[in-house]
Amino acid sequence: MFDSVLVVCTGNICRSPIAERILISHLPELNVSSAGIEALKGKDADVSAIAVAEKHGLSLCGHKGKQFNFTQMQKYDLILVMERLHIEYITKNHPECRGKTMLLGHWMDKREIPDPYMKGPEAFEFVFRLIDQACQYWVDKLST
């Protein structure tokens, strides 16, 4: 059983905050947070991420970018990442975490979630839907 989940992307201002808030909304008893491997530390969520989240009834209010680090990752039972590149980074820098690191899109044929940063609203909408779908699979797995 997993009690805590860390969602990781690159900058921690678009994808991982959305996934974090979706998981929290469905699994409030779970300790869920997010971080980035190249985080824009202290930065608010991207305005386009905020807009697409609000469109779907989700708030990213109060989010601040956080850097993925060793101390942080030790506290989590499961690390969900957006791309294989993130798994490679974690495996190279923190090999002891490889066994608890999986793609967010694992249950969608191990699909990667592309980065919409600096792209248009259509890209953010597409990515939001992918993240939401992937999170629904995780909610089903984590709540059983």
Protein backbone atom coordinates (compact mmCIF):
# COMPACT_ATOMS: atom_id res chain seq x y z
CA MET A 1 0.00 0.00 0.00
CA PHE A 2 1.23 3.46 -0.89
CA ASP A 3 0.78 6.31 1.57
CA SER A 4 2.66 8.96 -0.37
CA VAL A 5 3.22 9.94 -3.99
CA LEU A 6 5.62 12.43 -5.55
CA VAL A 7 4.81 13.58 -9.09
CA VAL A 8 7.82 14.76 -11.08
CA CYS A 9 8.22 16.68 -14.32
CA THR A 10 10.88 19.07 -15.60
CA GLY A 11 10.06 22.57 -14.32
CA ASN A 12 7.32 21.78 -11.79
CA ILE A 13 5.07 24.53 -13.12
CA CYS A 14 2.86 22.74 -15.68
CA ARG A 15 2.42 18.97 -15.69
CA SER A 16 3.31 17.78 -12.19
CA PRO A 17 1.26 20.44 -10.35
CA ILE A 18 -1.80 19.45 -12.40
CA ALA A 19 -1.28 15.75 -11.67
CA GLU A 20 -0.63 16.50 -7.98
CA ARG A 21 -3.92 18.39 -7.62
CA ILE A 22 -5.91 15.78 -9.55
CA LEU A 23 -4.57 12.99 -7.32
CA ILE A 24 -5.25 15.02 -4.17
CA SER A 25 -8.82 15.70 -5.29
CA HIS A 26 -9.49 11.95 -5.66
CA LEU A 27 -7.27 10.59 -2.87
CA PRO A 28 -7.27 13.22 -0.10
CA GLU A 29 -5.95 10.71 2.43
CA LEU A 30 -2.76 10.28 0.40
CA ASN A 31 0.29 12.51 0.92
CA VAL A 32 0.83 13.88 -2.61
CA SER A 33 3.34 16.49 -3.71
CA SER A 34 5.24 17.45 -6.86
CA ALA A 35 8.71 18.55 -7.90
CA GLY A 36 10.83 19.15 -10.98
CA ILE A 37 14.20 17.77 -12.01
CA GLU A 38 15.07 21.25 -13.33
CA ALA A 39 12.52 23.12 -11.25
CA LEU A 40 11.80 26.77 -11.58
CA LYS A 41 12.08 27.04 -7.81
CA GLY A 42 9.57 29.30 -6.12
CA LYS A 43 7.78 30.11 -9.37
CA ASP A 44 3.98 29.99 -9.53
CA ALA A 45 2.31 27.50 -11.84
CA ASP A 46 2.40 28.55 -15.49
CA VAL A 47 -0.52 30.82 -16.45
CA SER A 48 -1.62 28.43 -19.20
CA ALA A 49 -1.56 25.51 -16.73
CA ILE A 50 -3.62 27.57 -14.29
CA ALA A 51 -6.12 28.43 -17.03
CA VAL A 52 -6.61 24.86 -18.26
CA ALA A 53 -6.87 23.57 -14.69
CA GLU A 54 -9.51 26.18 -13.82
CA LYS A 55 -11.42 25.31 -16.99
CA HIS A 56 -11.70 21.78 -15.57
CA GLY A 57 -12.59 22.89 -12.04
CA LEU A 58 -9.12 22.40 -10.57
CA SER A 59 -7.14 25.06 -8.70
CA LEU A 60 -3.36 25.42 -8.82
CA CYS A 61 -3.56 28.28 -6.33
CA GLY A 62 -0.58 28.46 -4.00
CA HIS A 63 1.65 26.17 -6.06
CA LYS A 64 5.35 27.06 -6.05
CA GLY A 65 7.97 25.18 -8.07
CA LYS A 66 10.11 22.78 -6.01
CA GLN A 67 13.37 21.05 -6.94
CA PHE A 68 13.48 17.25 -6.88
CA ASN A 69 16.09 16.23 -4.31
CA PHE A 70 17.35 13.27 -2.32
CA THR A 71 15.78 14.28 1.00
CA GLN A 72 12.42 14.82 -0.64
CA MET A 73 12.36 11.58 -2.61
CA GLN A 74 13.11 9.47 0.46
CA LYS A 75 9.79 10.53 1.98
CA TYR A 76 7.65 9.09 -0.83
CA ASP A 77 6.54 5.52 -1.51
CA LEU A 78 5.90 6.11 -5.20
CA ILE A 79 7.42 8.56 -7.69
CA LEU A 80 5.40 9.21 -10.85
CA VAL A 81 7.18 10.91 -13.74
CA MET A 82 6.07 12.28 -17.10
CA GLU A 83 8.84 11.04 -19.40
CA ARG A 84 11.39 8.25 -19.68
CA LEU A 85 14.02 10.99 -19.50
CA HIS A 86 12.88 11.64 -15.92
CA ILE A 87 13.29 7.94 -15.07
CA GLU A 88 16.79 8.04 -16.56
CA TYR A 89 17.66 11.10 -14.48
CA ILE A 90 16.42 9.49 -11.28
CA THR A 91 18.12 6.18 -12.05
CA LYS A 92 21.43 7.88 -12.78
CA ASN A 93 21.39 10.22 -9.77
CA HIS A 94 19.40 8.19 -7.25
CA PRO A 95 19.53 4.51 -8.31
CA GLU A 96 18.00 3.40 -5.01
CA CYS A 97 14.72 5.03 -6.15
CA ARG A 98 14.41 3.22 -9.47
CA GLY A 99 12.16 0.52 -8.04
CA LYS A 100 9.57 3.04 -6.89
CA THR A 101 9.67 5.28 -9.99
CA MET A 102 7.13 4.81 -12.77
CA LEU A 103 5.63 6.76 -15.64
CA LEU A 104 2.39 8.56 -14.83
CA GLY A 105 1.15 7.05 -18.11
CA HIS A 106 2.23 3.53 -17.09
CA TRP A 107 -1.31 2.12 -17.32
CA MET A 108 -1.77 3.79 -20.75
CA ASP A 109 0.76 1.57 -22.53
CA LYS A 110 3.60 3.39 -20.73
CA ARG A 111 2.71 6.61 -22.48
CA GLU A 112 4.82 9.70 -21.91
CA ILE A 113 3.13 13.02 -21.15
CA PRO A 114 4.61 15.73 -23.41
CA ASP A 115 5.66 19.10 -22.02
CA PRO A 116 3.24 21.88 -23.07
CA TYR A 117 5.46 24.68 -21.69
CA MET A 118 5.57 27.72 -24.02
CA LYS A 119 2.95 26.16 -26.31
CA GLY A 120 -0.61 27.19 -27.03
CA PRO A 121 -3.88 26.48 -25.22
CA GLU A 122 -4.56 23.43 -27.41
CA ALA A 123 -1.35 21.80 -26.20
CA PHE A 124 -2.27 22.49 -22.58
CA GLU A 125 -5.76 21.08 -23.12
CA PHE A 126 -4.35 17.94 -24.74
CA VAL A 127 -1.82 17.45 -21.92
CA PHE A 128 -4.44 18.12 -19.23
CA ARG A 129 -6.64 15.37 -20.68
CA LEU A 130 -3.71 12.93 -20.81
CA ILE A 131 -2.75 13.71 -17.22
CA ASP A 132 -6.35 13.39 -16.06
CA GLN A 133 -6.74 10.03 -17.79
CA ALA A 134 -3.43 8.74 -16.40
CA CYS A 135 -4.34 9.93 -12.91
CA GLN A 136 -7.69 8.12 -13.09
CA TYR A 137 -5.83 4.85 -13.69
CA TRP A 138 -3.59 5.56 -10.70
CA VAL A 139 -6.58 6.49 -8.53
CA ASP A 140 -8.14 3.11 -9.35
CA LYS A 141 -4.89 1.28 -8.53
CA LEU A 142 -4.08 3.24 -5.38
CA SER A 143 -7.56 3.07 -3.88
CA THR A 144 -7.86 -0.72 -4.03
